[in-house]
Amino acid sequence: MTPTFLHNRKEHLRATGSLPNPPGKLLQQVLFSVLWRNQLAVATAILRG
């Protein structure tokens, strides 16, 4: 995890959070969030070996 990646993630959350969300967009955000958390878990597992 690079600081740049984490910074971009924060910017992304700020950008998406400030916009009104149609239901489809909200669902997309939830799916993205789940996938991102999954990816984070995988990355953590790889780093731990």
N, C-alpha and C. Protein backbone atom coordinates (compact mmCIF):
# COMPACT_ATOMS: atom_id res chain seq x y z
N MET A 1 0.84 -1.20 0.00
CA MET A 1 0.00 0.00 0.00
C MET A 1 0.88 1.25 0.00
N THR A 2 0.81 2.02 -1.04
CA THR A 2 1.60 3.24 -1.07
C THR A 2 0.78 4.40 -0.52
N PRO A 3 1.44 5.41 0.05
CA PRO A 3 0.72 6.59 0.53
C PRO A 3 -0.11 7.25 -0.56
N THR A 4 0.40 7.21 -1.78
CA THR A 4 -0.31 7.80 -2.92
C THR A 4 -1.64 7.09 -3.13
N PHE A 5 -1.61 5.76 -3.05
CA PHE A 5 -2.83 4.98 -3.22
C PHE A 5 -3.85 5.34 -2.16
N LEU A 6 -3.40 5.40 -0.91
CA LEU A 6 -4.30 5.73 0.19
C LEU A 6 -4.85 7.14 0.04
N HIS A 7 -4.01 8.05 -0.40
CA HIS A 7 -4.45 9.43 -0.62
C HIS A 7 -5.53 9.47 -1.72
N ASN A 8 -5.29 8.74 -2.81
CA ASN A 8 -6.25 8.69 -3.90
C ASN A 8 -7.57 8.11 -3.43
N ARG A 9 -7.49 7.11 -2.57
CA ARG A 9 -8.68 6.48 -2.02
C ARG A 9 -9.50 7.50 -1.22
N LYS A 10 -8.79 8.29 -0.41
CA LYS A 10 -9.46 9.32 0.39
C LYS A 10 -10.14 10.34 -0.52
N GLU A 11 -9.44 10.75 -1.57
CA GLU A 11 -9.99 11.72 -2.52
C GLU A 11 -11.22 11.14 -3.21
N HIS A 12 -11.15 9.85 -3.56
CA HIS A 12 -12.27 9.17 -4.21
C HIS A 12 -13.49 9.16 -3.30
N LEU A 13 -13.28 8.84 -2.03
CA LEU A 13 -14.38 8.81 -1.07
C LEU A 13 -14.99 10.20 -0.91
N ARG A 14 -14.14 11.21 -0.85
CA ARG A 14 -14.62 12.58 -0.71
C ARG A 14 -15.46 12.97 -1.93
N ALA A 15 -14.97 12.59 -3.12
CA ALA A 15 -15.66 12.94 -4.36
C ALA A 15 -17.02 12.23 -4.45
N THR A 16 -17.04 10.94 -4.17
CA THR A 16 -18.29 10.18 -4.28
C THR A 16 -19.26 10.55 -3.17
N GLY A 17 -18.73 10.89 -1.99
CA GLY A 17 -19.57 11.23 -0.86
C GLY A 17 -20.30 12.55 -1.03
N SER A 18 -19.74 13.43 -1.85
CA SER A 18 -20.32 14.77 -2.00
C SER A 18 -21.39 14.82 -3.10
N LEU A 19 -21.55 13.72 -3.83
CA LEU A 19 -22.53 13.70 -4.91
C LEU A 19 -23.80 12.97 -4.47
N PRO A 20 -24.96 13.43 -4.95
CA PRO A 20 -26.20 12.69 -4.68
C PRO A 20 -26.14 11.34 -5.40
N ASN A 21 -26.59 10.30 -4.72
CA ASN A 21 -26.47 8.95 -5.29
C ASN A 21 -27.79 8.36 -5.75
N PRO A 22 -27.93 8.12 -7.06
CA PRO A 22 -29.05 7.31 -7.53
C PRO A 22 -28.87 5.88 -7.02
N PRO A 23 -29.94 5.09 -6.87
CA PRO A 23 -29.83 3.73 -6.33
C PRO A 23 -28.77 2.88 -7.03
N GLY A 24 -28.71 2.96 -8.36
CA GLY A 24 -27.74 2.16 -9.10
C GLY A 24 -26.31 2.52 -8.73
N LYS A 25 -26.07 3.80 -8.57
CA LYS A 25 -24.75 4.29 -8.20
C LYS A 25 -24.38 3.82 -6.79
N LEU A 26 -25.37 3.83 -5.90
CA LEU A 26 -25.15 3.40 -4.53
C LEU A 26 -24.77 1.93 -4.50
N LEU A 27 -25.49 1.12 -5.26
CA LEU A 27 -25.19 -0.32 -5.34
C LEU A 27 -23.78 -0.54 -5.86
N GLN A 28 -23.42 0.24 -6.87
CA GLN A 28 -22.08 0.16 -7.46
C GLN A 28 -21.01 0.49 -6.41
N GLN A 29 -21.30 1.51 -5.59
CA GLN A 29 -20.37 1.91 -4.54
C GLN A 29 -20.20 0.80 -3.50
N VAL A 30 -21.31 0.17 -3.14
CA VAL A 30 -21.27 -0.92 -2.16
C VAL A 30 -20.43 -2.07 -2.70
N LEU A 31 -20.68 -2.45 -3.95
CA LEU A 31 -19.91 -3.53 -4.58
C LEU A 31 -18.43 -3.17 -4.64
N PHE A 32 -18.15 -1.93 -5.01
CA PHE A 32 -16.76 -1.48 -5.10
C PHE A 32 -16.10 -1.56 -3.73
N SER A 33 -16.85 -1.14 -2.71
CA SER A 33 -16.33 -1.15 -1.34
C SER A 33 -15.99 -2.58 -0.90
N VAL A 34 -16.89 -3.51 -1.20
CA VAL A 34 -16.67 -4.92 -0.84
C VAL A 34 -15.45 -5.47 -1.58
N LEU A 35 -15.38 -5.20 -2.88
CA LEU A 35 -14.25 -5.67 -3.67
C LEU A 35 -12.94 -5.08 -3.18
N TRP A 36 -12.97 -3.79 -2.83
CA TRP A 36 -11.76 -3.12 -2.35
C TRP A 36 -11.29 -3.73 -1.04
N ARG A 37 -12.25 -4.01 -0.14
CA ARG A 37 -11.90 -4.61 1.14
C ARG A 37 -11.31 -6.01 0.93
N ASN A 38 -11.88 -6.73 -0.02
CA ASN A 38 -11.40 -8.05 -0.38
C ASN A 38 -9.96 -7.98 -0.88
N GLN A 39 -9.71 -7.01 -1.74
CA GLN A 39 -8.39 -6.79 -2.31
C GLN A 39 -7.39 -6.46 -1.21
N LEU A 40 -7.84 -5.65 -0.26
CA LEU A 40 -7.00 -5.25 0.87
C LEU A 40 -6.63 -6.47 1.71
N ALA A 41 -7.60 -7.34 1.94
CA ALA A 41 -7.36 -8.57 2.70
C ALA A 41 -6.34 -9.46 1.99
N VAL A 42 -6.48 -9.58 0.69
CA VAL A 42 -5.55 -10.37 -0.11
C VAL A 42 -4.14 -9.78 -0.04
N ALA A 43 -4.05 -8.47 -0.19
CA ALA A 43 -2.76 -7.79 -0.12
C ALA A 43 -2.10 -8.00 1.24
N THR A 44 -2.90 -7.91 2.28
CA THR A 44 -2.39 -8.12 3.65
C THR A 44 -1.86 -9.54 3.80
N ALA A 45 -2.62 -10.51 3.29
CA ALA A 45 -2.21 -11.91 3.37
C ALA A 45 -0.89 -12.13 2.63
N ILE A 46 -0.75 -11.51 1.46
CA ILE A 46 0.48 -11.64 0.67
C ILE A 46 1.66 -11.03 1.42
N LEU A 47 1.45 -9.86 2.00
CA LEU A 47 2.52 -9.20 2.74
C LEU A 47 2.96 -10.02 3.95
N ARG A 48 2.01 -10.66 4.60
CA ARG A 48 2.34 -11.49 5.76
C ARG A 48 3.02 -12.79 5.34
N GLY A 49 2.79 -13.18 4.09
CA GLY A 49 3.38 -14.40 3.58
C GLY A 49 2.61 -15.61 4.06
